[in-house]
């Protein structure tokens, strides 16, 4: 009999050690196929453990096929215990079969998730909101109410979303955005990112023509690229997408647009362009995915009616609470044309069954009580104050050397440096980071031709007004003499002017 090691502290440790030792001896040939193992009593006596401990170890070997055991008979080594595959595993660890086309396209995309390598005193990351702005008490009460609701069982929720939330969203969208729809047209998703992914899965085949804005939300562009779309990036000016540049092939699958506040430049698409965009969609047989990513935050302009209000046959509306509550909640919604309801719901179910139902119920409670809209009004006032502080600081510190765009809505602005070429954006970011300031270049959001000037997207929703002022003052000191040392004149003359 092979030599086994004895008891370790605790029965669980002893059981595992006996199991591992027996398995090793079987694999090494100490016990050959058909050999009888020592009785549980003999092993227990030898090792100074209980028979229960030995039996548990042997039972594990039986379950894995190393040992056979029958009532009233000794345990024996299985005939299959040391059998070798007819074709042994080749050397190396990589997969023999290549990745799918989808996986290959995804792996070729640039990384866009946050990389927080160091703590920054002033971080102007766009998309972030202040943790202190989250309505902790309201959310806790709503979650408690959702948890305490009587349920006969814990079960999966409908893939389209909890009925109460869809009903409340119907009323909210009518009050706030003028959208008339039925609750069954609303599909609750895990943030706007899943909304875009579902849209691509439902409407885009590999090779299908797809239109995006240029510049564009990078993760929307990536979704379409991962789907294998043939992407056409259409230029934007200070009023949004240039509809006269839309491709006219008669076979486009969809266009992804941000008409109420173009991301990132901030343009608001005028009514005549909206009508031309809808006419293009009908001529092409295409759908329009309308991302209303910050529809709640408007300052110098009245809320612009969404495209969906004008046409419910060709427009898919995307909304989210990431900018009003928290991106960590992963709650968003689609409003889809009636013919697409069933396919979107089935694809949602296939993706993840449904979005978290307790959080959906909590949001429904906030909407039903009016707490959500009161919170949004409060956040609009707070962010208007932050916006004013940021613009004042930028104007005071940089004056005529910069151009600020996209100030009428949203939670970020774009700043163009008139005397710094885009090729120096990376160095600009490095200089700022060395001073404890996080700034983010706009060039990666352009699809093909890059802007001539260095541009930054500065988010302001996660910082207090005083932090914004001090952050811009610190940035100005860090960038002192940067433009003069860059010698950018020639580079600026030969590039693409931003917003033109």
Protein backbone atom coordinates (compact mmCIF):
# COMPACT_ATOMS: atom_id res chain seq x y z
CA UNK A 1 0.00 0.00 0.00
CA UNK A 2 1.27 3.48 -0.83
CA UNK A 3 2.26 5.85 1.92
CA UNK A 4 -0.46 8.39 2.74
CA UNK A 5 -0.04 11.56 4.71
CA UNK A 6 -1.93 11.95 7.94
CA UNK A 7 -4.46 14.27 9.49
CA UNK A 8 -4.39 18.01 8.88
CA UNK A 9 -6.26 20.45 11.10
CA UNK A 10 -10.01 20.02 10.52
CA UNK A 11 -11.88 17.17 8.94
CA UNK A 12 -12.30 18.96 5.59
CA UNK A 13 -8.53 19.34 5.26
CA UNK A 14 -7.89 15.69 6.10
CA UNK A 15 -10.52 14.50 3.61
CA UNK A 16 -9.00 16.51 0.80
CA UNK A 17 -5.45 15.38 1.61
CA UNK A 18 -6.46 11.71 1.56
CA UNK A 19 -8.38 12.22 -1.68
CA UNK A 20 -5.39 13.96 -3.34
CA UNK A 21 -2.88 11.34 -2.16
CA UNK A 22 -5.01 8.42 -3.40
CA UNK A 23 -5.64 10.13 -6.73
CA UNK A 24 -1.91 10.81 -7.17
CA UNK A 25 -1.02 7.18 -6.43
CA UNK A 26 -3.64 5.92 -8.88
CA UNK A 27 -2.35 8.27 -11.59
CA UNK A 28 1.26 7.22 -10.89
CA UNK A 29 0.42 3.50 -11.16
CA UNK A 30 0.91 2.62 -7.49
CA UNK A 31 -2.61 1.24 -7.75
CA UNK A 32 -3.30 -0.28 -11.16
CA UNK A 33 -6.67 -0.69 -12.83
CA UNK A 34 -8.67 -3.33 -10.97
CA UNK A 35 -6.54 -3.15 -7.80
CA UNK A 36 -8.35 -3.23 -4.52
CA UNK A 37 -8.00 -0.19 -2.27
CA UNK A 38 -7.39 -0.67 1.46
CA UNK A 39 -10.58 -0.78 3.48
CA UNK A 40 -11.84 2.43 5.03
CA UNK A 41 -11.20 0.95 8.48
CA UNK A 42 -7.57 0.10 7.62
CA UNK A 43 -6.90 3.56 6.20
CA UNK A 44 -8.58 5.23 9.16
CA UNK A 45 -6.46 3.25 11.62
CA UNK A 46 -3.25 3.94 9.69
CA UNK A 47 -3.85 7.67 9.40
CA UNK A 48 -5.48 8.26 12.75
CA UNK A 49 -8.67 9.69 11.28
CA UNK A 50 -12.30 8.67 11.40
CA UNK A 51 -13.79 6.21 8.90
CA UNK A 52 -16.20 9.00 7.87
CA UNK A 53 -13.25 11.11 6.73
CA UNK A 54 -11.82 8.27 4.64
CA UNK A 55 -15.23 7.38 3.20
CA UNK A 56 -15.76 10.98 2.08
CA UNK A 57 -12.40 10.95 0.25
CA UNK A 58 -13.17 7.65 -1.48
CA UNK A 59 -16.66 8.86 -2.44
CA UNK A 60 -15.08 11.82 -4.21
CA UNK A 61 -12.80 9.45 -6.17
CA UNK A 62 -15.86 7.38 -7.11
CA UNK A 63 -17.71 10.47 -8.35
CA UNK A 64 -14.76 11.42 -10.57
CA UNK A 65 -14.44 7.94 -12.07
CA UNK A 66 -11.13 6.93 -10.44
CA UNK A 67 -12.68 4.24 -8.25
CA UNK A 68 -15.66 1.88 -8.46
CA UNK A 69 -17.56 0.90 -5.38
CA UNK A 70 -20.50 -1.43 -4.76
CA UNK A 71 -22.34 -2.19 -1.55
CA UNK A 72 -20.79 -5.16 0.22
CA UNK A 73 -17.72 -5.18 -2.05
CA UNK A 74 -14.27 -3.60 -1.76
CA UNK A 75 -13.49 -0.37 -3.60
CA UNK A 76 -11.35 -0.96 -6.69
CA UNK A 77 -9.46 1.26 -9.12
CA UNK A 78 -11.54 1.90 -12.23
CA UNK A 79 -10.46 0.53 -15.61
CA UNK A 80 -10.79 4.07 -16.93
CA UNK A 81 -8.70 5.68 -14.19
CA UNK A 82 -5.43 5.70 -16.14
CA UNK A 83 -6.70 5.43 -19.71
CA UNK A 84 -5.05 7.85 -22.13
CA UNK A 85 -6.81 9.66 -24.99
CA UNK A 86 -6.18 8.19 -28.42
CA UNK A 87 -5.01 11.59 -29.64
CA UNK A 88 -2.97 13.27 -26.89
CA UNK A 89 -3.26 17.02 -26.29
CA UNK A 90 -0.69 18.93 -28.37
CA UNK A 91 1.89 21.15 -26.78
CA UNK A 92 0.98 24.78 -26.17
CA UNK A 93 -1.91 26.51 -24.49
CA UNK A 94 -3.58 28.54 -27.25
CA UNK A 95 -6.91 27.54 -28.79
CA UNK A 96 -6.64 25.51 -31.99
CA UNK A 97 -9.88 26.93 -33.36
CA UNK A 98 -9.83 30.65 -34.22
CA UNK A 99 -12.13 33.11 -32.48
CA UNK A 100 -15.44 34.02 -34.06
CA UNK A 101 -15.54 36.93 -36.46
CA UNK A 102 -17.39 38.95 -33.83
CA UNK A 103 -14.72 38.24 -31.19
CA UNK A 104 -11.96 39.11 -33.61
CA UNK A 105 -13.58 42.43 -34.47
CA UNK A 106 -14.06 43.23 -30.78
CA UNK A 107 -10.44 42.45 -29.95
CA UNK A 108 -9.29 44.80 -32.72
CA UNK A 109 -11.18 47.74 -31.20
CA UNK A 110 -9.46 50.32 -28.98
CA UNK A 111 -10.05 50.14 -25.23
CA UNK A 112 -12.57 52.64 -23.91
CA UNK A 113 -13.18 51.58 -20.33
CA UNK A 114 -11.73 53.82 -17.60
CA UNK A 115 -8.07 53.42 -16.72
CA UNK A 116 -7.54 55.08 -13.36
CA UNK A 117 -3.81 54.71 -12.86
CA UNK A 118 -3.50 57.33 -10.16
CA UNK A 119 -5.64 59.52 -7.93
CA UNK A 120 -6.07 62.96 -9.47
CA UNK A 121 -6.85 66.09 -7.52
CA UNK A 122 -8.97 67.46 -10.38
CA UNK A 123 -10.49 64.91 -12.75
CA UNK A 124 -12.57 66.33 -15.62
CA UNK A 125 -13.61 62.88 -16.89
CA UNK A 126 -16.81 63.19 -18.88
CA UNK A 127 -19.60 60.77 -17.95
CA UNK A 128 -18.76 60.87 -14.23
CA UNK A 129 -21.18 62.43 -11.77
CA UNK A 130 -20.62 63.40 -8.14
CA UNK A 131 -21.22 60.60 -5.64
CA UNK A 132 -22.66 63.19 -3.25
CA UNK A 133 -25.41 63.93 -5.80
CA UNK A 134 -26.85 60.43 -5.57
CA UNK A 135 -30.16 60.53 -3.60
CA UNK A 136 -29.03 57.91 -1.10
CA UNK A 137 -31.92 58.28 1.33
CA UNK A 138 -34.59 58.29 -1.40
CA UNK A 139 -33.02 55.30 -3.12
CA UNK A 140 -32.69 53.36 0.13
CA UNK A 141 -36.35 53.96 0.95
CA UNK A 142 -37.41 52.89 -2.52
CA UNK A 143 -35.24 49.75 -2.39
CA UNK A 144 -36.61 48.88 1.07
CA UNK A 145 -40.15 49.27 -0.21
CA UNK A 146 -39.34 47.03 -3.19
CA UNK A 147 -37.76 44.39 -0.92
CA UNK A 148 -40.69 44.38 1.49
CA UNK A 149 -43.36 43.89 -1.15
CA UNK A 150 -45.10 40.58 -0.66
CA UNK A 151 -44.13 37.96 -3.23
CA UNK A 152 -45.35 34.40 -3.52
CA UNK A 153 -42.04 33.36 -5.07
CA UNK A 154 -38.74 34.71 -6.32
CA UNK A 155 -38.81 34.38 -10.08
CA UNK A 156 -37.50 35.84 -13.30
CA UNK A 157 -38.98 39.18 -14.36
CA UNK A 158 -40.39 39.86 -17.83
CA UNK A 159 -37.50 40.43 -20.28
CA UNK A 160 -38.99 43.77 -21.41
CA UNK A 161 -38.93 45.07 -17.85
CA UNK A 162 -41.07 45.23 -14.72
CA UNK A 163 -44.60 46.31 -15.65
CA UNK A 164 -44.73 49.03 -12.99
CA UNK A 165 -41.57 50.69 -14.33
CA UNK A 166 -42.70 50.58 -17.95
CA UNK A 167 -46.00 52.17 -16.92
CA UNK A 168 -44.24 54.93 -15.00
CA UNK A 169 -41.76 55.54 -17.81
CA UNK A 170 -44.66 55.98 -20.23
CA UNK A 171 -46.01 58.84 -18.12
CA UNK A 172 -42.58 60.33 -17.50
CA UNK A 173 -41.66 60.42 -21.19
CA UNK A 174 -44.95 62.11 -22.03
CA UNK A 175 -44.53 64.76 -19.31
CA UNK A 176 -40.84 65.48 -19.88
CA UNK A 177 -40.09 64.69 -23.53
CA UNK A 178 -43.53 64.82 -25.18
CA UNK A 179 -43.29 61.18 -26.28
CA UNK A 180 -46.60 59.36 -26.66
CA UNK A 181 -46.16 55.61 -26.53
CA UNK A 182 -47.66 52.50 -24.96
CA UNK A 183 -45.90 50.67 -22.12
CA UNK A 184 -45.37 47.62 -24.34
CA UNK A 185 -43.18 49.74 -26.65
CA UNK A 186 -40.73 50.29 -23.77
CA UNK A 187 -37.93 47.78 -23.21
CA UNK A 188 -35.89 48.23 -20.04
CA UNK A 189 -32.20 47.54 -20.63
CA UNK A 190 -28.93 47.54 -18.71
CA UNK A 191 -27.96 51.06 -19.66
CA UNK A 192 -27.82 52.74 -23.04
CA UNK A 193 -24.90 50.53 -24.05
CA UNK A 194 -27.11 47.46 -24.10
CA UNK A 195 -29.73 49.46 -25.98
CA UNK A 196 -27.19 50.13 -28.74
CA UNK A 197 -25.97 46.54 -28.74
CA UNK A 198 -29.54 45.20 -29.05
CA UNK A 199 -30.23 47.64 -31.89
CA UNK A 200 -27.18 46.39 -33.77
CA UNK A 201 -28.04 42.72 -33.15
CA UNK A 202 -31.62 43.19 -34.34
CA UNK A 203 -31.00 45.43 -37.36
CA UNK A 204 -27.42 44.97 -38.61
CA UNK A 205 -25.89 42.05 -40.48
CA UNK A 206 -22.18 41.82 -41.23
CA UNK A 207 -21.46 44.14 -44.14
CA UNK A 208 -24.62 46.25 -43.80
CA UNK A 209 -24.15 50.00 -44.30
CA UNK A 210 -24.53 51.98 -41.05
CA UNK A 211 -24.29 55.72 -40.51
CA UNK A 212 -22.74 57.34 -37.45
CA UNK A 213 -21.89 60.93 -36.63
CA UNK A 214 -18.33 62.21 -36.89
CA UNK A 215 -17.28 62.76 -34.13
CA UNK A 216 -19.28 60.15 -32.29
CA UNK A 217 -19.70 58.37 -28.96
CA UNK A 218 -16.88 55.84 -29.20
CA UNK A 219 -18.77 52.92 -27.66
CA UNK A 220 -21.61 53.35 -30.16
CA UNK A 221 -19.10 53.26 -32.99
CA UNK A 222 -17.54 50.15 -31.46
CA UNK A 223 -20.90 48.37 -31.24
CA UNK A 224 -21.46 48.87 -34.96
CA UNK A 225 -17.90 47.85 -35.82
CA UNK A 226 -18.25 44.69 -33.71
CA UNK A 227 -21.42 43.82 -35.61
CA UNK A 228 -19.39 43.98 -38.81
CA UNK A 229 -21.18 47.05 -40.16
CA UNK A 230 -19.87 48.98 -43.14
CA UNK A 231 -19.61 52.31 -41.32
CA UNK A 232 -20.04 55.69 -42.93
CA UNK A 233 -19.10 58.57 -40.61
CA UNK A 234 -20.96 61.75 -41.56
CA UNK A 235 -19.46 65.10 -40.55
CA UNK A 236 -21.08 67.31 -37.94
CA UNK A 237 -21.05 71.09 -37.73
CA UNK A 238 -22.18 73.33 -34.88
CA UNK A 239 -25.81 72.32 -35.53
CA UNK A 240 -25.28 68.55 -35.69
CA UNK A 241 -25.06 65.99 -38.47
CA UNK A 242 -24.79 67.28 -42.06
CA UNK A 243 -27.72 65.47 -43.62
CA UNK A 244 -26.68 66.44 -47.15
CA UNK A 245 -23.65 64.14 -46.69
CA UNK A 246 -25.75 61.07 -45.86
CA UNK A 247 -25.08 58.11 -48.20
CA UNK A 248 -27.90 57.41 -50.64
CA UNK A 249 -27.52 53.75 -51.53
CA UNK A 250 -31.03 52.53 -50.80
CA UNK A 251 -29.78 49.85 -48.41
CA UNK A 252 -28.58 51.47 -45.16
CA UNK A 253 -29.55 49.50 -42.03
CA UNK A 254 -29.59 52.34 -39.50
CA UNK A 255 -28.20 55.72 -38.51
CA UNK A 256 -27.03 56.42 -34.97
CA UNK A 257 -27.55 60.08 -34.04
CA UNK A 258 -27.68 62.41 -31.01
CA UNK A 259 -29.96 65.14 -32.40
CA UNK A 260 -30.90 66.88 -29.14
CA UNK A 261 -27.28 67.42 -28.08
CA UNK A 262 -24.69 66.08 -30.49
CA UNK A 263 -22.01 64.10 -28.71
CA UNK A 264 -19.48 65.52 -28.09
CA UNK A 265 -19.78 68.90 -29.88
CA UNK A 266 -23.18 69.83 -28.44
CA UNK A 267 -25.06 70.90 -31.57
CA UNK A 268 -28.88 70.83 -31.62
CA UNK A 269 -30.23 69.48 -34.91
CA UNK A 270 -32.61 72.06 -36.45
CA UNK A 271 -36.08 71.11 -37.61
CA UNK A 272 -35.36 71.21 -41.34
CA UNK A 273 -32.46 68.76 -40.94
CA UNK A 274 -34.65 66.51 -38.79
CA UNK A 275 -37.23 66.33 -41.57
CA UNK A 276 -34.53 65.58 -44.14
CA UNK A 277 -33.07 62.89 -41.87
CA UNK A 278 -36.46 61.18 -41.54
CA UNK A 279 -37.01 61.42 -45.30
CA UNK A 280 -33.60 59.80 -45.82
CA UNK A 281 -34.54 56.95 -43.46
CA UNK A 282 -37.69 56.17 -45.45
CA UNK A 283 -35.84 56.36 -48.76
CA UNK A 284 -33.13 54.01 -47.48
CA UNK A 285 -35.45 51.67 -45.60
CA UNK A 286 -33.30 52.43 -42.53
CA UNK A 287 -34.02 52.94 -38.85
CA UNK A 288 -32.76 55.89 -36.82
CA UNK A 289 -31.37 55.14 -33.35
CA UNK A 290 -31.88 58.36 -31.37
CA UNK A 291 -29.68 58.55 -28.29
CA UNK A 292 -31.14 61.16 -25.91
CA UNK A 293 -28.24 60.64 -23.52
CA UNK A 294 -28.63 63.84 -21.50
CA UNK A 295 -32.15 64.95 -22.33
CA UNK A 296 -32.74 66.22 -18.78
CA UNK A 297 -29.92 68.80 -18.78
CA UNK A 298 -30.68 71.94 -20.80
CA UNK A 299 -29.70 75.44 -19.76
CA UNK A 300 -29.73 78.14 -22.45
CA UNK A 301 -32.32 76.49 -24.70
CA UNK A 302 -35.76 75.01 -24.24
CA UNK A 303 -35.99 71.21 -24.41
CA UNK A 304 -35.93 70.07 -28.04
CA UNK A 305 -38.64 67.54 -28.98
CA UNK A 306 -37.06 64.19 -29.79
CA UNK A 307 -37.23 62.67 -33.25
CA UNK A 308 -39.41 59.91 -31.88
CA UNK A 309 -42.13 62.45 -31.24
CA UNK A 310 -42.24 63.14 -34.99
CA UNK A 311 -42.06 59.55 -36.22
CA UNK A 312 -42.69 56.28 -34.40
CA UNK A 313 -42.22 54.06 -37.44
CA UNK A 314 -38.54 54.64 -38.17
CA UNK A 315 -37.11 55.99 -34.90
CA UNK A 316 -35.82 53.95 -31.92
CA UNK A 317 -35.49 56.14 -28.84
CA UNK A 318 -32.77 55.47 -26.24
CA UNK A 319 -32.84 56.90 -22.70
CA UNK A 320 -30.97 56.26 -19.47
CA UNK A 321 -30.74 57.24 -15.80
CA UNK A 322 -26.94 57.08 -15.82
CA UNK A 323 -26.60 60.87 -15.88
CA UNK A 324 -29.44 61.59 -13.43
CA UNK A 325 -28.93 58.88 -10.79
CA UNK A 326 -25.80 56.83 -11.42
CA UNK A 327 -24.08 54.93 -14.23
CA UNK A 328 -23.50 52.15 -11.70
CA UNK A 329 -27.23 51.29 -11.66
CA UNK A 330 -27.15 50.12 -15.30
CA UNK A 331 -30.73 51.13 -16.01
CA UNK A 332 -31.84 52.45 -19.37
CA UNK A 333 -34.72 51.99 -21.77
CA UNK A 334 -35.66 51.78 -25.42
CA UNK A 335 -38.88 52.95 -27.02
CA UNK A 336 -39.28 50.93 -30.20
CA UNK A 337 -41.68 50.97 -33.17
CA UNK A 338 -44.51 48.47 -32.78
CA UNK A 339 -43.28 46.03 -35.46
CA UNK A 340 -39.99 45.66 -33.55
CA UNK A 341 -41.43 44.99 -30.07
CA UNK A 342 -41.32 41.18 -30.18
CA UNK A 343 -37.85 40.87 -31.68
CA UNK A 344 -36.30 43.35 -29.24
CA UNK A 345 -37.91 41.59 -26.27
CA UNK A 346 -36.74 38.15 -27.42
CA UNK A 347 -33.20 39.38 -28.06
CA UNK A 348 -33.15 41.05 -24.65
CA UNK A 349 -34.23 37.80 -23.01
CA UNK A 350 -31.50 35.90 -24.84
CA UNK A 351 -28.86 38.41 -23.74
CA UNK A 352 -29.48 38.42 -19.97
CA UNK A 353 -33.10 37.35 -19.24
CA UNK A 354 -33.87 40.79 -17.77
CA UNK A 355 -32.29 43.77 -16.06
CA UNK A 356 -32.18 43.74 -12.21
CA UNK A 357 -35.82 43.73 -11.11
CA UNK A 358 -35.46 45.19 -7.60
CA UNK A 359 -33.70 48.25 -9.01
CA UNK A 360 -36.45 48.55 -11.63
CA UNK A 361 -39.10 48.48 -8.90
CA UNK A 362 -37.21 51.09 -6.89
CA UNK A 363 -37.00 53.41 -9.90
CA UNK A 364 -40.72 52.89 -10.53
CA UNK A 365 -41.41 54.02 -6.95
CA UNK A 366 -39.29 57.17 -7.40
CA UNK A 367 -41.16 57.98 -10.61
CA UNK A 368 -44.59 57.28 -9.09
CA UNK A 369 -43.97 59.54 -6.08
CA UNK A 370 -42.47 62.38 -8.09
CA UNK A 371 -39.17 61.99 -6.23
CA UNK A 372 -37.23 61.30 -9.42
CA UNK A 373 -38.36 64.47 -11.18
CA UNK A 374 -37.69 66.59 -8.09
CA UNK A 375 -34.22 65.09 -7.93
CA UNK A 376 -33.63 65.86 -11.62
CA UNK A 377 -34.67 69.49 -11.13
CA UNK A 378 -32.26 69.76 -8.21
CA UNK A 379 -29.44 68.24 -10.28
CA UNK A 380 -30.20 70.60 -13.16
CA UNK A 381 -29.73 73.59 -10.85
CA UNK A 382 -26.52 72.14 -9.37
CA UNK A 383 -25.03 71.34 -12.75
CA UNK A 384 -25.99 74.75 -14.15
CA UNK A 385 -23.95 76.26 -11.31
CA UNK A 386 -21.02 73.95 -12.09
CA UNK A 387 -21.26 74.77 -15.79
CA UNK A 388 -21.20 78.50 -15.09
CA UNK A 389 -18.17 78.12 -12.82
CA UNK A 390 -16.29 76.09 -15.43
CA UNK A 391 -17.01 78.50 -18.28
CA UNK A 392 -16.05 81.50 -16.15
CA UNK A 393 -12.79 79.86 -15.11
CA UNK A 394 -11.90 78.84 -18.68
CA UNK A 395 -12.65 82.33 -19.98
CA UNK A 396 -10.66 83.99 -17.19
CA UNK A 397 -7.62 81.71 -17.47
CA UNK A 398 -7.38 81.15 -21.24
CA UNK A 399 -9.26 84.07 -22.79
CA UNK A 400 -9.12 84.22 -26.59
CA UNK A 401 -6.69 81.32 -26.88
CA UNK A 402 -9.57 78.83 -26.65
CA UNK A 403 -13.04 78.25 -28.13
CA UNK A 404 -15.70 76.64 -25.90
CA UNK A 405 -18.55 74.73 -27.57
CA UNK A 406 -21.46 72.58 -26.41
CA UNK A 407 -22.39 74.76 -23.46
CA UNK A 408 -26.18 74.86 -23.86
CA UNK A 409 -26.90 71.37 -22.51
CA UNK A 410 -25.38 68.24 -21.06
CA UNK A 411 -22.66 67.67 -18.49
CA UNK A 412 -19.51 68.50 -20.45
CA UNK A 413 -18.05 71.12 -22.78
CA UNK A 414 -15.51 70.85 -25.58
CA UNK A 415 -12.56 73.25 -25.49
CA UNK A 416 -10.51 73.90 -28.64
CA UNK A 417 -7.02 75.37 -28.23
CA UNK A 418 -6.55 77.82 -31.08
CA UNK A 419 -2.73 77.69 -31.03
CA UNK A 420 -2.11 73.99 -30.33
CA UNK A 421 -2.30 71.34 -33.03
CA UNK A 422 -4.13 68.06 -32.47
CA UNK A 423 -0.89 66.12 -32.79
CA UNK A 424 0.13 67.51 -29.39
CA UNK A 425 -2.99 66.34 -27.52
CA UNK A 426 -1.19 63.39 -25.92
CA UNK A 427 1.56 65.62 -24.55
CA UNK A 428 -1.07 68.09 -23.36
CA UNK A 429 -2.74 65.28 -21.41
CA UNK A 430 0.58 64.10 -19.95
CA UNK A 431 1.56 67.59 -18.78
CA UNK A 432 -1.81 68.04 -17.09
CA UNK A 433 -1.70 64.60 -15.45
CA UNK A 434 1.72 65.35 -14.01
CA UNK A 435 0.05 68.28 -12.27
CA UNK A 436 -2.74 66.09 -10.85
CA UNK A 437 -5.33 67.05 -13.49
CA UNK A 438 -7.31 64.61 -15.63
CA UNK A 439 -8.17 65.94 -19.09
CA UNK A 440 -9.43 63.94 -22.08
CA UNK A 441 -8.73 64.57 -25.79
CA UNK A 442 -11.49 64.79 -28.38
CA UNK A 443 -9.54 63.31 -31.32
CA UNK A 444 -10.28 59.63 -30.46
CA UNK A 445 -13.98 60.36 -31.04
CA UNK A 446 -13.37 61.17 -34.70
CA UNK A 447 -13.74 58.29 -37.13
CA UNK A 448 -11.35 59.16 -39.92
CA UNK A 449 -10.07 62.71 -40.56
CA UNK A 450 -8.96 64.22 -37.26
CA UNK A 451 -9.45 67.87 -36.28
CA UNK A 452 -6.55 70.26 -36.79
CA UNK A 453 -6.71 71.79 -33.33
CA UNK A 454 -6.11 70.15 -29.98
CA UNK A 455 -9.45 69.70 -28.25
CA UNK A 456 -10.50 68.52 -24.80
CA UNK A 457 -13.79 67.17 -23.46
CA UNK A 458 -14.15 68.54 -19.95
CA UNK A 459 -16.82 66.96 -17.77
CA UNK A 460 -17.97 69.02 -14.82
CA UNK A 461 -20.70 66.98 -13.07
CA UNK A 462 -18.36 65.25 -10.60
CA UNK A 463 -16.66 68.39 -9.20
CA UNK A 464 -17.83 71.24 -6.99
CA UNK A 465 -17.77 74.81 -8.41
CA UNK A 466 -14.75 75.71 -6.29
CA UNK A 467 -12.93 72.56 -7.46
CA UNK A 468 -13.71 73.48 -11.05
CA UNK A 469 -12.25 76.95 -10.59
CA UNK A 470 -9.10 75.69 -8.89
CA UNK A 471 -8.74 72.85 -11.38
CA UNK A 472 -8.79 75.20 -14.39
CA UNK A 473 -6.39 77.61 -12.67
CA UNK A 474 -4.02 74.71 -12.00
CA UNK A 475 -4.40 73.51 -15.60
CA UNK A 476 -3.55 77.00 -16.89
CA UNK A 477 -0.35 77.02 -14.82
CA UNK A 478 0.57 73.51 -16.00
CA UNK A 479 0.10 74.53 -19.63
CA UNK A 480 1.90 77.84 -19.36
CA UNK A 481 4.02 78.44 -22.44
CA UNK A 482 2.83 75.11 -23.91
CA UNK A 483 1.42 76.64 -27.10
CA UNK A 484 4.52 78.73 -27.74
CA UNK A 485 6.84 75.75 -27.30
CA UNK A 486 4.78 73.53 -29.60
CA UNK A 487 5.32 75.66 -32.75
CA UNK A 488 1.98 74.58 -34.19
CA UNK A 489 1.22 77.15 -36.84
CA UNK A 490 1.89 74.98 -39.89
CA UNK A 491 0.12 71.94 -38.42
CA UNK A 492 -3.06 73.91 -37.76
CA UNK A 493 -3.22 75.21 -41.32
CA UNK A 494 -3.32 71.75 -42.93
CA UNK A 495 -5.87 69.93 -40.76
CA UNK A 496 -9.66 69.73 -40.49
CA UNK A 497 -11.26 72.60 -38.65
CA UNK A 498 -13.43 71.33 -35.77
CA UNK A 499 -17.17 71.69 -36.15
CA UNK A 500 -16.88 72.61 -39.84
